[in-house]
């Protein structure tokens, strides 16, 4: 099942975002984020907040293609062991320090060596970075890494200010200093995270609110009730069972998109004493797949809001194999395959 990320908002705010300069936006989150240091963050809601604070080397478009952000162009060497990035000129961190190739080198080395870094495994093929000139940096690899650019479209690509990170009283866990449209002005754990707009941000025209306040509200029902009562303006992660009710409310708007996340069954065929040797047979694995009614699961468990899938990629993804369609439930064939497998 491919997940859909669902958001609901007061309709007036959705309509006004293009013109409502100076307004504040209150956003309900499903949980309180962990650390906001991009090198150490691991939670989904942490990524939601960081998206407003820390630009990435590259961004990912709705059609899942990679597009420029802090890097304007990139090229992989013929042997796949070097990724050269051209950086956006005239960009500064929120503390006024310049963003350049030296800053990228610092961040890559920090992600590889920082105690508690959760980016180490994501960029494990990287050995370091070489400054070519002020706006050109080469990422050096011990072996080719196809997912590397994708990692740089997420937290591994979020750059923090070297000056701020090297400071003895650095507080990046709560107040990361990045290149981004907003900076964290206040964080009260389990209560709120307040962001204020950064003057002089390179793409300031795309951001229209002077202040963002993120409010952790773990209970789905309470989060929805706060939205309907006007206590908050936008909520993240709407439960599928709430979608129809919210869509029926003329004061609200619901938006959804198929994400890169998925839910599935992983079979242990040869890993330790709990492995199931039966699933080593292709016929048994295929029979299990054919026994599952994906469409019924979607309707019953997810109110029809998810997308039935059979691959780790959604159908609109570049890497989705259209020659392997989602199988329909076929109990008779499943039984025949089990018989064939003995």
Protein backbone atom coordinates (compact mmCIF):
# COMPACT_ATOMS: atom_id res chain seq x y z
CA UNK A 1 0.00 0.00 0.00
CA UNK A 2 1.44 3.36 -1.01
CA UNK A 3 0.68 5.95 1.65
CA UNK A 4 -0.96 9.24 0.89
CA UNK A 5 0.18 12.25 2.86
CA UNK A 6 -2.96 14.17 3.77
CA UNK A 7 -3.22 17.76 5.00
CA UNK A 8 -6.26 19.76 6.03
CA UNK A 9 -6.42 23.53 6.36
CA UNK A 10 -8.80 26.38 6.94
CA UNK A 11 -9.87 27.22 3.40
CA UNK A 12 -9.25 30.93 3.81
CA UNK A 13 -5.57 30.32 4.54
CA UNK A 14 -5.17 28.12 1.48
CA UNK A 15 -6.71 30.81 -0.69
CA UNK A 16 -4.76 33.63 0.92
CA UNK A 17 -1.24 32.21 0.97
CA UNK A 18 -0.30 34.04 -2.20
CA UNK A 19 -1.12 37.46 -0.76
CA UNK A 20 -1.18 37.17 3.03
CA UNK A 21 2.22 38.66 3.75
CA UNK A 22 2.85 39.31 7.42
CA UNK A 23 0.36 36.77 8.73
CA UNK A 24 1.10 33.95 11.16
CA UNK A 25 0.29 30.31 10.52
CA UNK A 26 -0.47 27.74 13.25
CA UNK A 27 0.27 24.15 12.25
CA UNK A 28 -0.78 21.03 14.16
CA UNK A 29 1.73 18.15 14.06
CA UNK A 30 1.10 14.50 14.91
CA UNK A 31 4.02 14.47 17.36
CA UNK A 32 6.81 16.57 18.86
CA UNK A 33 9.99 16.32 16.76
CA UNK A 34 13.20 14.90 18.15
CA UNK A 35 16.42 16.86 17.64
CA UNK A 36 16.30 19.52 14.92
CA UNK A 37 19.96 19.04 14.04
CA UNK A 38 19.70 17.73 10.44
CA UNK A 39 22.66 15.40 10.97
CA UNK A 40 20.94 13.69 13.92
CA UNK A 41 17.22 14.05 13.21
CA UNK A 42 15.28 10.85 12.50
CA UNK A 43 11.53 11.55 12.98
CA UNK A 44 9.08 12.30 10.17
CA UNK A 45 7.69 15.38 11.95
CA UNK A 46 11.25 16.58 12.43
CA UNK A 47 11.64 16.58 8.66
CA UNK A 48 8.38 18.56 8.35
CA UNK A 49 9.73 21.36 10.55
CA UNK A 50 13.22 21.26 9.05
CA UNK A 51 11.76 21.72 5.55
CA UNK A 52 10.96 25.32 6.53
CA UNK A 53 14.34 25.92 8.18
CA UNK A 54 17.02 24.10 6.17
CA UNK A 55 17.36 24.12 2.39
CA UNK A 56 18.87 20.99 0.81
CA UNK A 57 21.50 20.59 -1.86
CA UNK A 58 18.80 19.36 -4.23
CA UNK A 59 15.03 19.23 -3.95
CA UNK A 60 12.49 16.69 -5.16
CA UNK A 61 9.58 17.75 -7.37
CA UNK A 62 6.03 16.32 -7.17
CA UNK A 63 6.85 14.05 -10.13
CA UNK A 64 9.82 12.70 -8.07
CA UNK A 65 12.48 14.24 -10.32
CA UNK A 66 15.39 16.09 -8.71
CA UNK A 67 15.49 19.87 -9.09
CA UNK A 68 18.00 22.53 -7.98
CA UNK A 69 17.96 24.09 -4.55
CA UNK A 70 21.33 25.00 -2.97
CA UNK A 71 23.04 23.22 -5.86
CA UNK A 72 22.07 24.52 -9.28
CA UNK A 73 23.68 21.72 -11.31
CA UNK A 74 25.42 18.38 -10.73
CA UNK A 75 27.42 15.86 -12.70
CA UNK A 76 28.53 12.32 -11.91
CA UNK A 77 31.90 11.09 -13.16
CA UNK A 78 32.07 8.22 -15.65
CA UNK A 79 33.28 5.79 -13.00
CA UNK A 80 30.53 6.89 -10.60
CA UNK A 81 33.02 7.76 -7.85
CA UNK A 82 32.60 11.54 -7.89
CA UNK A 83 29.60 13.85 -7.81
CA UNK A 84 30.43 17.47 -8.69
CA UNK A 85 27.99 20.14 -7.52
CA UNK A 86 27.69 23.72 -8.76
CA UNK A 87 26.38 25.87 -5.90
CA UNK A 88 23.93 28.76 -5.89
CA UNK A 89 25.77 32.13 -5.67
CA UNK A 90 24.94 34.93 -3.24
CA UNK A 91 23.47 32.67 -0.56
CA UNK A 92 23.97 33.12 3.18
CA UNK A 93 23.16 31.11 6.28
CA UNK A 94 20.67 32.52 8.78
CA UNK A 95 23.59 33.85 10.86
CA UNK A 96 24.93 35.82 7.89
CA UNK A 97 27.83 33.45 7.13
CA UNK A 98 28.35 32.72 3.41
CA UNK A 99 27.21 29.42 1.93
CA UNK A 100 29.97 28.02 -0.28
CA UNK A 101 31.93 24.89 -1.19
CA UNK A 102 33.86 24.99 2.08
CA UNK A 103 30.57 24.89 3.97
CA UNK A 104 29.45 21.83 2.00
CA UNK A 105 32.75 20.11 2.73
CA UNK A 106 32.33 20.89 6.44
CA UNK A 107 28.81 19.44 6.48
CA UNK A 108 29.76 16.25 4.64
CA UNK A 109 32.62 15.61 7.04
CA UNK A 110 30.38 16.44 10.00
CA UNK A 111 27.73 13.95 8.89
CA UNK A 112 30.37 11.23 8.55
CA UNK A 113 32.07 11.84 11.92
CA UNK A 114 29.58 13.45 14.32
CA UNK A 115 28.67 11.19 17.25
CA UNK A 116 24.98 10.41 16.94
CA UNK A 117 24.87 11.23 13.22
CA UNK A 118 22.05 9.38 11.49
CA UNK A 119 23.38 10.34 8.09
CA UNK A 120 26.47 8.10 8.23
CA UNK A 121 24.70 5.09 6.77
CA UNK A 122 22.90 7.20 4.16
CA UNK A 123 26.17 8.52 2.70
CA UNK A 124 28.38 5.57 3.67
CA UNK A 125 29.91 5.44 0.18
CA UNK A 126 31.27 8.98 0.59
CA UNK A 127 34.90 9.37 1.65
CA UNK A 128 34.92 13.16 1.79
CA UNK A 129 34.54 16.35 -0.23
CA UNK A 130 36.99 18.44 -2.25
CA UNK A 131 36.66 22.19 -2.77
CA UNK A 132 37.23 22.99 -6.46
CA UNK A 133 36.44 26.68 -6.14
CA UNK A 134 34.16 28.81 -4.00
CA UNK A 135 31.00 27.58 -5.76
CA UNK A 136 32.11 24.12 -6.90
CA UNK A 137 32.52 21.09 -4.67
CA UNK A 138 33.26 17.45 -5.52
CA UNK A 139 31.83 14.66 -3.39
CA UNK A 140 34.31 11.77 -3.42
CA UNK A 141 33.13 8.15 -3.13
CA UNK A 142 34.83 4.81 -2.54
CA UNK A 143 32.27 3.18 -4.83
CA UNK A 144 29.37 4.31 -7.03
CA UNK A 145 26.19 5.11 -5.08
CA UNK A 146 22.95 5.40 -7.04
CA UNK A 147 20.88 6.72 -4.07
CA UNK A 148 23.32 9.52 -3.20
CA UNK A 149 21.48 12.32 -4.99
CA UNK A 150 18.24 11.17 -3.35
CA UNK A 151 19.91 11.38 0.06
CA UNK A 152 20.95 14.94 -0.71
CA UNK A 153 17.27 15.78 -1.35
CA UNK A 154 16.62 14.91 2.30
CA UNK A 155 18.38 15.64 5.59
CA UNK A 156 21.82 14.59 4.34
CA UNK A 157 21.57 17.55 1.98
CA UNK A 158 20.59 20.06 4.67
CA UNK A 159 23.52 22.36 5.34
CA UNK A 160 24.20 24.01 8.72
CA UNK A 161 26.43 27.02 9.31
CA UNK A 162 29.99 25.83 10.06
CA UNK A 163 30.47 28.80 12.42
CA UNK A 164 27.34 27.95 14.40
CA UNK A 165 28.11 24.22 14.49
CA UNK A 166 31.68 24.82 15.69
CA UNK A 167 30.61 27.18 18.46
CA UNK A 168 31.17 25.82 22.02
CA UNK A 169 27.60 26.82 22.95
CA UNK A 170 25.99 25.47 19.75
CA UNK A 171 22.30 24.70 20.23
CA UNK A 172 21.54 23.01 16.91
CA UNK A 173 19.31 20.38 18.54
CA UNK A 174 16.73 23.11 19.17
CA UNK A 175 17.89 25.99 17.00
CA UNK A 176 19.56 24.82 13.79
CA UNK A 177 21.32 27.55 11.78
CA UNK A 178 20.81 26.77 8.09
CA UNK A 179 20.09 28.38 4.76
CA UNK A 180 16.31 28.59 4.78
CA UNK A 181 13.26 30.86 4.66
CA UNK A 182 12.74 30.60 8.44
CA UNK A 183 14.77 30.26 11.63
CA UNK A 184 13.73 28.76 14.97
CA UNK A 185 13.05 31.62 17.40
CA UNK A 186 11.57 29.52 20.21
CA UNK A 187 11.17 25.88 21.14
CA UNK A 188 9.26 24.59 24.17
CA UNK A 189 9.41 20.75 24.16
CA UNK A 190 6.00 19.08 23.87
CA UNK A 191 4.37 22.50 23.45
CA UNK A 192 5.48 24.56 20.45
CA UNK A 193 8.15 25.39 17.90
CA UNK A 194 8.07 28.97 16.61
CA UNK A 195 9.75 30.04 13.38
CA UNK A 196 10.36 33.57 12.12
CA UNK A 197 11.15 34.66 8.58
CA UNK A 198 14.83 35.16 7.69
CA UNK A 199 15.57 38.56 6.10
CA UNK A 200 17.51 38.34 2.86
CA UNK A 201 16.68 34.70 2.11
CA UNK A 202 17.52 33.98 -1.53
CA UNK A 203 13.98 32.85 -2.47
CA UNK A 204 12.04 35.08 -0.09
CA UNK A 205 9.29 35.81 -2.62
CA UNK A 206 8.01 32.23 -2.35
CA UNK A 207 7.23 32.51 1.37
CA UNK A 208 4.41 34.70 2.62
CA UNK A 209 4.00 34.19 6.37
CA UNK A 210 6.10 36.13 8.86
CA UNK A 211 5.69 33.49 11.57
CA UNK A 212 5.03 29.76 11.73
CA UNK A 213 4.05 28.00 14.94
CA UNK A 214 4.18 24.19 15.06
CA UNK A 215 2.04 22.61 17.79
CA UNK A 216 2.46 18.89 18.62
CA UNK A 217 -1.01 17.30 19.02
CA UNK A 218 -0.58 13.48 18.99
CA UNK A 219 -4.31 12.63 19.24
CA UNK A 220 -5.90 12.60 15.76
CA UNK A 221 -9.34 13.54 17.08
CA UNK A 222 -7.99 16.47 19.11
CA UNK A 223 -5.93 17.70 16.15
CA UNK A 224 -9.03 17.68 13.92
CA UNK A 225 -11.18 19.33 16.61
CA UNK A 226 -8.63 22.14 16.98
CA UNK A 227 -8.71 22.73 13.24
CA UNK A 228 -12.50 22.77 13.07
CA UNK A 229 -12.72 25.19 16.00
CA UNK A 230 -10.19 27.57 14.44
CA UNK A 231 -7.52 27.09 17.11
CA UNK A 232 -5.05 26.04 14.39
CA UNK A 233 -4.95 26.75 10.66
CA UNK A 234 -3.37 23.61 9.21
CA UNK A 235 -2.91 20.03 10.35
CA UNK A 236 -0.44 17.46 9.11
CA UNK A 237 -1.21 13.73 8.70
CA UNK A 238 -4.98 13.46 8.53
CA UNK A 239 -6.28 10.00 9.41
CA UNK A 240 -7.92 8.40 6.34
CA UNK A 241 -11.12 7.86 8.31
CA UNK A 242 -11.40 11.63 8.90
CA UNK A 243 -11.09 12.67 5.25
CA UNK A 244 -14.77 12.44 4.26
CA UNK A 245 -15.87 14.45 7.33
CA UNK A 246 -13.31 17.18 6.67
CA UNK A 247 -14.16 17.35 2.97
CA UNK A 248 -17.81 17.91 3.92
CA UNK A 249 -16.89 20.98 6.00
CA UNK A 250 -17.09 24.05 3.77
CA UNK A 251 -14.68 25.94 6.04
CA UNK A 252 -11.89 23.43 5.40
CA UNK A 253 -9.84 22.14 2.48
CA UNK A 254 -8.10 18.78 2.24
CA UNK A 255 -5.03 18.06 0.10
CA UNK A 256 -3.34 14.73 -0.50
CA UNK A 257 -0.54 13.24 -2.55
CA UNK A 258 0.89 9.77 -3.02
CA UNK A 259 4.16 9.68 -1.11
CA UNK A 260 7.34 7.64 -1.41
CA UNK A 261 6.44 5.72 1.78
CA UNK A 262 4.86 2.28 1.65
CA UNK A 263 3.54 -0.48 3.89
CA UNK A 264 4.19 -4.10 3.02
CA UNK A 265 5.07 -7.60 4.20
CA UNK A 266 8.73 -8.57 4.30
CA UNK A 267 9.47 -12.29 4.28
CA UNK A 268 12.40 -13.70 6.24
CA UNK A 269 13.65 -16.55 4.06
CA UNK A 270 17.19 -17.11 5.33
CA UNK A 271 18.08 -14.84 8.25
CA UNK A 272 18.50 -16.61 11.58
CA UNK A 273 16.45 -19.31 13.32
CA UNK A 274 13.13 -17.54 12.69
CA UNK A 275 13.49 -17.73 8.91
CA UNK A 276 10.72 -19.54 7.07
CA UNK A 277 12.27 -21.88 4.48
CA UNK A 278 8.92 -22.38 2.74
CA UNK A 279 9.13 -18.85 1.37
CA UNK A 280 12.37 -19.66 -0.40
CA UNK A 281 10.15 -21.16 -3.08
CA UNK A 282 8.95 -18.64 -5.61
CA UNK A 283 5.58 -20.39 -5.92
CA UNK A 284 4.85 -19.92 -2.20
CA UNK A 285 5.72 -16.24 -2.29
CA UNK A 286 3.55 -15.71 -5.36
CA UNK A 287 0.68 -17.61 -3.72
CA UNK A 288 0.82 -15.31 -0.69
CA UNK A 289 0.73 -12.27 -2.95
CA UNK A 290 -2.24 -13.62 -4.89
CA UNK A 291 -4.13 -14.35 -1.67
CA UNK A 292 -4.11 -10.68 -0.64
CA UNK A 293 -7.02 -8.46 -1.68
CA UNK A 294 -5.21 -5.13 -1.77
CA UNK A 295 -8.25 -3.14 -2.85
CA UNK A 296 -10.37 -4.53 0.00
CA UNK A 297 -7.63 -3.72 2.51
CA UNK A 298 -7.48 -0.18 1.20
CA UNK A 299 -11.24 0.30 1.53
CA UNK A 300 -11.57 -1.29 4.98
CA UNK A 301 -8.36 -0.16 6.71
CA UNK A 302 -7.67 3.14 4.95
CA UNK A 303 -11.10 4.37 3.82
CA UNK A 304 -9.97 4.08 0.21
CA UNK A 305 -7.39 6.84 0.66
CA UNK A 306 -4.29 4.76 -0.10
CA UNK A 307 -3.05 3.33 -3.36
CA UNK A 308 -2.65 -0.43 -3.82
CA UNK A 309 0.92 -1.24 -4.82
CA UNK A 310 3.30 -4.12 -5.43
CA UNK A 311 6.64 -2.30 -5.59
CA UNK A 312 8.55 0.04 -3.26
CA UNK A 313 7.95 2.85 -5.75
CA UNK A 314 4.58 4.50 -6.51
CA UNK A 315 3.23 4.24 -10.09
CA UNK A 316 4.19 7.85 -10.90
CA UNK A 317 7.83 7.21 -10.02
CA UNK A 318 10.59 7.00 -12.62
CA UNK A 319 11.68 3.62 -11.26
CA UNK A 320 8.24 1.96 -11.17
CA UNK A 321 8.19 -1.10 -13.43
CA UNK A 322 4.98 -0.86 -15.46
CA UNK A 323 5.59 -4.38 -16.81
CA UNK A 324 4.78 -5.81 -13.37
CA UNK A 325 1.22 -4.63 -12.61
CA UNK A 326 -0.51 -4.91 -9.23
CA UNK A 327 -1.95 -8.45 -9.06
CA UNK A 328 -5.64 -9.00 -8.37
CA UNK A 329 -6.65 -11.52 -5.74
CA UNK A 330 -6.79 -15.04 -7.22
CA UNK A 331 -7.39 -17.71 -4.58
CA UNK A 332 -7.68 -20.55 -7.09
CA UNK A 333 -4.29 -19.77 -8.62
CA UNK A 334 -2.78 -19.36 -5.16
CA UNK A 335 -3.97 -22.83 -4.17
CA UNK A 336 -2.63 -24.28 -7.40
CA UNK A 337 0.79 -22.72 -6.77
CA UNK A 338 0.90 -24.14 -3.23
CA UNK A 339 0.04 -27.57 -4.57
CA UNK A 340 2.75 -27.21 -7.20
CA UNK A 341 5.22 -26.27 -4.44
CA UNK A 342 4.24 -29.34 -2.44
